[in-house]
């Protein structure tokens, strides 16, 4: 009887429950992740696509969700099914991405409108405030590397997806993602230090 569980542990199957597969995954049996992916990726991708409205971003988020699962999440089977957990996690991460996208677009839009601030408002106080903000954003962007600036401009001014940027610049998608993430983090840190 001892050989049966070890055989089960050696190769997780689609007959096992999600909870059993999560235990196997926590014990380093990476094949369990494949079974869980086959079982739930459609749900995760569908929710991500519905929330983000972009197939490439939905694929990225789906990968991120399952990487999170592989790293050992705080999933507790006593609190609900894995399917419910994945749905909640996907919606939450999608909202985070949308907030981040919106915040970055607003920041870059202010930077883009920096020279046009005169036409935005006639009120002197508003004009001074907008000019100061655009100066701060310009200063923050100037601290980024040329490649980070280029990728952020292509994403937020030209409206290109990361996959389109990678194709246009002829660099790997992972490089585009890394530079964009680094650039956004630096931009956020710099702008946060201005407000303190």
C-alpha atoms as a PDB file:
ATOM      1  CA  UNK A   1       0.000   0.000   0.000  1.00  0.00           C
ATOM      2  CA  UNK A   2       2.937   2.366   0.563  1.00  0.00           C
ATOM      3  CA  UNK A   3       3.875   2.225  -3.129  1.00  0.00           C
ATOM      4  CA  UNK A   4       0.503   3.629  -4.281  1.00  0.00           C
ATOM      5  CA  UNK A   5       0.874   7.103  -2.715  1.00  0.00           C
ATOM      6  CA  UNK A   6       4.460   7.401  -3.930  1.00  0.00           C
ATOM      7  CA  UNK A   7       3.322   6.518  -7.447  1.00  0.00           C
ATOM      8  CA  UNK A   8       0.612   9.154  -7.093  1.00  0.00           C
ATOM      9  CA  UNK A   9       3.179  11.639  -5.845  1.00  0.00           C
ATOM     10  CA  UNK A  10       5.502  10.851  -8.727  1.00  0.00           C
ATOM     11  CA  UNK A  11       2.966  11.789 -11.371  1.00  0.00           C
ATOM     12  CA  UNK A  12      -0.096  13.810 -10.449  1.00  0.00           C
ATOM     13  CA  UNK A  13      -3.125  12.937 -12.544  1.00  0.00           C
ATOM     14  CA  UNK A  14      -6.300  14.643 -13.618  1.00  0.00           C
ATOM     15  CA  UNK A  15      -8.192  12.288 -11.287  1.00  0.00           C
ATOM     16  CA  UNK A  16      -6.819  14.077  -8.235  1.00  0.00           C
ATOM     17  CA  UNK A  17      -8.712  16.896  -6.562  1.00  0.00           C
ATOM     18  CA  UNK A  18      -7.416  20.453  -6.625  1.00  0.00           C
ATOM     19  CA  UNK A  19      -6.500  20.160  -2.942  1.00  0.00           C
ATOM     20  CA  UNK A  20      -4.469  16.994  -3.613  1.00  0.00           C
ATOM     21  CA  UNK A  21      -2.731  18.664  -6.522  1.00  0.00           C
ATOM     22  CA  UNK A  22      -1.906  21.700  -4.392  1.00  0.00           C
ATOM     23  CA  UNK A  23      -0.346  19.416  -1.770  1.00  0.00           C
ATOM     24  CA  UNK A  24       1.667  17.692  -4.503  1.00  0.00           C
ATOM     25  CA  UNK A  25       2.748  21.084  -5.839  1.00  0.00           C
ATOM     26  CA  UNK A  26       3.821  22.230  -2.387  1.00  0.00           C
ATOM     27  CA  UNK A  27       6.015  19.108  -2.194  1.00  0.00           C
ATOM     28  CA  UNK A  28       7.817  20.122  -5.364  1.00  0.00           C
ATOM     29  CA  UNK A  29       5.890  17.989  -7.841  1.00  0.00           C
ATOM     30  CA  UNK A  30       5.761  20.513 -10.666  1.00  0.00           C
ATOM     31  CA  UNK A  31       3.668  18.229 -12.877  1.00  0.00           C
ATOM     32  CA  UNK A  32       0.741  19.103 -10.576  1.00  0.00           C
ATOM     33  CA  UNK A  33       0.921  22.672 -11.866  1.00  0.00           C
ATOM     34  CA  UNK A  34       0.374  21.409 -15.403  1.00  0.00           C
ATOM     35  CA  UNK A  35      -2.767  19.564 -14.360  1.00  0.00           C
ATOM     36  CA  UNK A  36      -4.051  22.623 -12.495  1.00  0.00           C
ATOM     37  CA  UNK A  37      -3.234  24.821 -15.472  1.00  0.00           C
ATOM     38  CA  UNK A  38      -5.119  22.540 -17.861  1.00  0.00           C
ATOM     39  CA  UNK A  39      -8.048  22.543 -15.480  1.00  0.00           C
ATOM     40  CA  UNK A  40      -8.302  26.275 -14.692  1.00  0.00           C
ATOM     41  CA  UNK A  41      -6.380  28.326 -17.281  1.00  0.00           C
ATOM     42  CA  UNK A  42      -9.513  28.884 -19.364  1.00  0.00           C
ATOM     43  CA  UNK A  43     -11.285  30.493 -16.428  1.00  0.00           C
ATOM     44  CA  UNK A  44      -8.304  32.686 -15.515  1.00  0.00           C
ATOM     45  CA  UNK A  45      -7.673  33.769 -19.103  1.00  0.00           C
ATOM     46  CA  UNK A  46     -11.361  34.516 -19.720  1.00  0.00           C
ATOM     47  CA  UNK A  47     -11.626  36.698 -16.623  1.00  0.00           C
ATOM     48  CA  UNK A  48      -8.356  38.462 -17.442  1.00  0.00           C
ATOM     49  CA  UNK A  49      -9.396  39.134 -21.042  1.00  0.00           C
ATOM     50  CA  UNK A  50     -12.785  40.424 -19.933  1.00  0.00           C
ATOM     51  CA  UNK A  51     -11.209  42.794 -17.406  1.00  0.00           C
ATOM     52  CA  UNK A  52      -8.191  43.977 -19.405  1.00  0.00           C
ATOM     53  CA  UNK A  53      -9.597  43.895 -22.938  1.00  0.00           C
ATOM     54  CA  UNK A  54      -6.238  42.863 -24.411  1.00  0.00           C
ATOM     55  CA  UNK A  55      -5.299  39.293 -25.351  1.00  0.00           C
ATOM     56  CA  UNK A  56      -1.562  39.742 -24.719  1.00  0.00           C
ATOM     57  CA  UNK A  57      -2.123  41.275 -21.287  1.00  0.00           C
ATOM     58  CA  UNK A  58      -4.622  38.514 -20.463  1.00  0.00           C
ATOM     59  CA  UNK A  59      -2.011  35.889 -21.387  1.00  0.00           C
ATOM     60  CA  UNK A  60       0.581  37.672 -19.258  1.00  0.00           C
ATOM     61  CA  UNK A  61      -1.772  37.833 -16.300  1.00  0.00           C
ATOM     62  CA  UNK A  62      -2.694  34.151 -16.704  1.00  0.00           C
ATOM     63  CA  UNK A  63       0.996  33.247 -16.550  1.00  0.00           C
ATOM     64  CA  UNK A  64       1.494  35.474 -13.515  1.00  0.00           C
ATOM     65  CA  UNK A  65      -1.440  33.854 -11.691  1.00  0.00           C
ATOM     66  CA  UNK A  66      -0.090  30.351 -12.231  1.00  0.00           C
ATOM     67  CA  UNK A  67       3.447  31.439 -11.308  1.00  0.00           C
ATOM     68  CA  UNK A  68       1.995  32.802  -8.077  1.00  0.00           C
ATOM     69  CA  UNK A  69       0.301  29.453  -7.555  1.00  0.00           C
ATOM     70  CA  UNK A  70       3.584  27.617  -8.195  1.00  0.00           C
ATOM     71  CA  UNK A  71       5.465  29.780  -5.693  1.00  0.00           C
ATOM     72  CA  UNK A  72       3.160  28.685  -2.918  1.00  0.00           C
ATOM     73  CA  UNK A  73       0.204  30.951  -2.401  1.00  0.00           C
ATOM     74  CA  UNK A  74      -1.911  31.493   0.664  1.00  0.00           C
ATOM     75  CA  UNK A  75      -4.673  29.344  -0.785  1.00  0.00           C
ATOM     76  CA  UNK A  76      -6.646  27.702   2.006  1.00  0.00           C
ATOM     77  CA  UNK A  77      -8.965  24.887   0.838  1.00  0.00           C
ATOM     78  CA  UNK A  78     -11.099  25.396   3.960  1.00  0.00           C
ATOM     79  CA  UNK A  79     -12.101  28.864   2.707  1.00  0.00           C
ATOM     80  CA  UNK A  80     -13.383  27.758  -0.696  1.00  0.00           C
ATOM     81  CA  UNK A  81     -12.514  26.019  -3.920  1.00  0.00           C
ATOM     82  CA  UNK A  82      -9.308  26.668  -5.830  1.00  0.00           C
ATOM     83  CA  UNK A  83     -11.445  27.814  -8.750  1.00  0.00           C
ATOM     84  CA  UNK A  84     -13.014  30.535  -6.601  1.00  0.00           C
ATOM     85  CA  UNK A  85      -9.604  31.502  -5.228  1.00  0.00           C
ATOM     86  CA  UNK A  86      -8.175  31.806  -8.747  1.00  0.00           C
ATOM     87  CA  UNK A  87     -11.159  33.883  -9.900  1.00  0.00           C
ATOM     88  CA  UNK A  88     -10.781  36.317  -6.987  1.00  0.00           C
ATOM     89  CA  UNK A  89      -6.999  36.521  -7.442  1.00  0.00           C
ATOM     90  CA  UNK A  90      -7.378  37.146 -11.185  1.00  0.00           C
ATOM     91  CA  UNK A  91      -9.939  39.912 -10.711  1.00  0.00           C
ATOM     92  CA  UNK A  92      -7.803  41.534  -8.031  1.00  0.00           C
ATOM     93  CA  UNK A  93      -4.606  41.452 -10.116  1.00  0.00           C
ATOM     94  CA  UNK A  94      -6.482  42.699 -13.192  1.00  0.00           C
ATOM     95  CA  UNK A  95      -7.824  45.660 -11.179  1.00  0.00           C
ATOM     96  CA  UNK A  96      -4.283  46.382  -9.977  1.00  0.00           C
ATOM     97  CA  UNK A  97      -3.029  46.402 -13.562  1.00  0.00           C
ATOM     98  CA  UNK A  98      -5.848  48.661 -14.706  1.00  0.00           C
ATOM     99  CA  UNK A  99      -5.174  51.104 -11.845  1.00  0.00           C
ATOM    100  CA  UNK A 100      -1.476  51.102 -12.650  1.00  0.00           C
ATOM    101  CA  UNK A 101      -2.161  51.603 -16.362  1.00  0.00           C
ATOM    102  CA  UNK A 102      -4.577  54.471 -15.597  1.00  0.00           C
ATOM    103  CA  UNK A 103      -2.179  56.140 -13.181  1.00  0.00           C
ATOM    104  CA  UNK A 104       0.717  55.897 -15.612  1.00  0.00           C
ATOM    105  CA  UNK A 105      -1.371  57.227 -18.487  1.00  0.00           C
ATOM    106  CA  UNK A 106      -2.443  60.201 -16.382  1.00  0.00           C
ATOM    107  CA  UNK A 107       1.144  60.924 -15.414  1.00  0.00           C
ATOM    108  CA  UNK A 108       2.413  60.666 -18.961  1.00  0.00           C
ATOM    109  CA  UNK A 109      -0.532  62.658 -20.278  1.00  0.00           C
ATOM    110  CA  UNK A 110       0.349  65.484 -17.880  1.00  0.00           C
ATOM    111  CA  UNK A 111       3.917  65.289 -19.157  1.00  0.00           C
ATOM    112  CA  UNK A 112       2.759  65.313 -22.773  1.00  0.00           C
ATOM    113  CA  UNK A 113       0.498  68.317 -22.124  1.00  0.00           C
ATOM    114  CA  UNK A 114       3.268  70.186 -20.337  1.00  0.00           C
ATOM    115  CA  UNK A 115       3.879  72.558 -23.235  1.00  0.00           C
ATOM    116  CA  UNK A 116       0.172  72.952 -23.873  1.00  0.00           C
ATOM    117  CA  UNK A 117      -0.791  73.873 -20.321  1.00  0.00           C
ATOM    118  CA  UNK A 118      -1.722  77.400 -21.413  1.00  0.00           C
ATOM    119  CA  UNK A 119      -4.640  76.080 -23.476  1.00  0.00           C
ATOM    120  CA  UNK A 120      -5.934  73.766 -20.768  1.00  0.00           C
ATOM    121  CA  UNK A 121      -6.899  76.458 -18.296  1.00  0.00           C
ATOM    122  CA  UNK A 122      -7.032  80.253 -18.206  1.00  0.00           C
ATOM    123  CA  UNK A 123      -6.831  80.469 -14.415  1.00  0.00           C
ATOM    124  CA  UNK A 124      -3.347  81.690 -13.351  1.00  0.00           C
ATOM    125  CA  UNK A 125      -3.180  79.426 -10.303  1.00  0.00           C
ATOM    126  CA  UNK A 126      -4.177  76.382 -12.360  1.00  0.00           C
ATOM    127  CA  UNK A 127      -1.604  77.296 -14.994  1.00  0.00           C
ATOM    128  CA  UNK A 128       1.204  77.498 -12.409  1.00  0.00           C
ATOM    129  CA  UNK A 129       0.135  74.227 -10.794  1.00  0.00           C
ATOM    130  CA  UNK A 130       0.015  72.377 -14.134  1.00  0.00           C
ATOM    131  CA  UNK A 131       3.360  73.810 -15.161  1.00  0.00           C
ATOM    132  CA  UNK A 132       4.963  72.639 -11.897  1.00  0.00           C
ATOM    133  CA  UNK A 133       3.488  69.171 -12.336  1.00  0.00           C
ATOM    134  CA  UNK A 134       4.664  68.871 -15.928  1.00  0.00           C
ATOM    135  CA  UNK A 135       8.133  70.031 -14.854  1.00  0.00           C
ATOM    136  CA  UNK A 136       8.214  67.340 -12.171  1.00  0.00           C
ATOM    137  CA  UNK A 137       7.133  64.648 -14.636  1.00  0.00           C
ATOM    138  CA  UNK A 138       9.656  65.874 -17.222  1.00  0.00           C
ATOM    139  CA  UNK A 139      12.409  65.807 -14.615  1.00  0.00           C
ATOM    140  CA  UNK A 140      11.387  62.316 -13.481  1.00  0.00           C
ATOM    141  CA  UNK A 141      11.285  60.996 -17.045  1.00  0.00           C
ATOM    142  CA  UNK A 142      14.685  62.515 -17.791  1.00  0.00           C
ATOM    143  CA  UNK A 143      16.134  60.298 -15.061  1.00  0.00           C
ATOM    144  CA  UNK A 144      15.087  57.155 -16.930  1.00  0.00           C
ATOM    145  CA  UNK A 145      17.334  55.450 -19.432  1.00  0.00           C
ATOM    146  CA  UNK A 146      16.707  56.165 -23.120  1.00  0.00           C
ATOM    147  CA  UNK A 147      15.352  52.650 -23.635  1.00  0.00           C
ATOM    148  CA  UNK A 148      12.929  52.990 -20.692  1.00  0.00           C
ATOM    149  CA  UNK A 149      11.709  56.365 -21.966  1.00  0.00           C
ATOM    150  CA  UNK A 150      11.271  54.971 -25.481  1.00  0.00           C
ATOM    151  CA  UNK A 151       9.204  52.002 -24.300  1.00  0.00           C
ATOM    152  CA  UNK A 152       6.983  54.157 -22.054  1.00  0.00           C
ATOM    153  CA  UNK A 153       6.377  56.632 -24.883  1.00  0.00           C
ATOM    154  CA  UNK A 154       5.488  53.832 -27.300  1.00  0.00           C
ATOM    155  CA  UNK A 155       3.131  52.252 -24.770  1.00  0.00           C
ATOM    156  CA  UNK A 156       1.358  55.346 -23.493  1.00  0.00           C
ATOM    157  CA  UNK A 157       1.577  57.834 -26.360  1.00  0.00           C
ATOM    158  CA  UNK A 158       1.391  55.501 -29.325  1.00  0.00           C
ATOM    159  CA  UNK A 159      -0.898  53.028 -27.543  1.00  0.00           C
ATOM    160  CA  UNK A 160       1.197  49.999 -28.509  1.00  0.00           C
ATOM    161  CA  UNK A 161       1.037  46.753 -26.566  1.00  0.00           C
ATOM    162  CA  UNK A 162       4.223  45.315 -25.134  1.00  0.00           C
ATOM    163  CA  UNK A 163       4.203  42.617 -27.826  1.00  0.00           C
ATOM    164  CA  UNK A 164       3.932  45.280 -30.551  1.00  0.00           C
ATOM    165  CA  UNK A 165       6.785  47.254 -28.992  1.00  0.00           C
ATOM    166  CA  UNK A 166       8.965  44.135 -28.879  1.00  0.00           C
ATOM    167  CA  UNK A 167       8.260  43.438 -32.537  1.00  0.00           C
ATOM    168  CA  UNK A 168       8.873  47.036 -33.610  1.00  0.00           C
ATOM    169  CA  UNK A 169      12.132  47.346 -31.635  1.00  0.00           C
ATOM    170  CA  UNK A 170      13.162  43.781 -32.509  1.00  0.00           C
ATOM    171  CA  UNK A 171      13.889  42.871 -28.898  1.00  0.00           C
ATOM    172  CA  UNK A 172      12.473  40.064 -26.720  1.00  0.00           C
ATOM    173  CA  UNK A 173       9.092  40.630 -25.057  1.00  0.00           C
ATOM    174  CA  UNK A 174      10.666  39.926 -21.659  1.00  0.00           C
ATOM    175  CA  UNK A 175      13.106  42.788 -22.210  1.00  0.00           C
ATOM    176  CA  UNK A 176      10.261  45.167 -23.027  1.00  0.00           C
ATOM    177  CA  UNK A 177       8.371  44.098 -19.891  1.00  0.00           C
ATOM    178  CA  UNK A 178      11.449  44.448 -17.696  1.00  0.00           C
ATOM    179  CA  UNK A 179      12.324  47.911 -19.037  1.00  0.00           C
ATOM    180  CA  UNK A 180       8.724  49.117 -18.756  1.00  0.00           C
ATOM    181  CA  UNK A 181       8.410  47.841 -15.195  1.00  0.00           C
ATOM    182  CA  UNK A 182      11.764  49.330 -14.189  1.00  0.00           C
ATOM    183  CA  UNK A 183      10.888  52.645 -15.813  1.00  0.00           C
ATOM    184  CA  UNK A 184       7.492  52.854 -14.133  1.00  0.00           C
ATOM    185  CA  UNK A 185       8.949  52.020 -10.729  1.00  0.00           C
ATOM    186  CA  UNK A 186      11.655  54.680 -11.093  1.00  0.00           C
ATOM    187  CA  UNK A 187       9.071  57.187 -12.310  1.00  0.00           C
ATOM    188  CA  UNK A 188       6.792  56.464  -9.361  1.00  0.00           C
ATOM    189  CA  UNK A 189       9.663  56.729  -6.848  1.00  0.00           C
ATOM    190  CA  UNK A 190      10.866  60.008  -8.283  1.00  0.00           C
ATOM    191  CA  UNK A 191       7.401  61.570  -8.417  1.00  0.00           C
ATOM    192  CA  UNK A 192       6.645  60.368  -4.880  1.00  0.00           C
ATOM    193  CA  UNK A 193       9.834  62.046  -3.621  1.00  0.00           C
ATOM    194  CA  UNK A 194       8.708  65.326  -5.247  1.00  0.00           C
ATOM    195  CA  UNK A 195       5.461  65.335  -3.257  1.00  0.00           C
ATOM    196  CA  UNK A 196       7.169  64.820   0.103  1.00  0.00           C
END
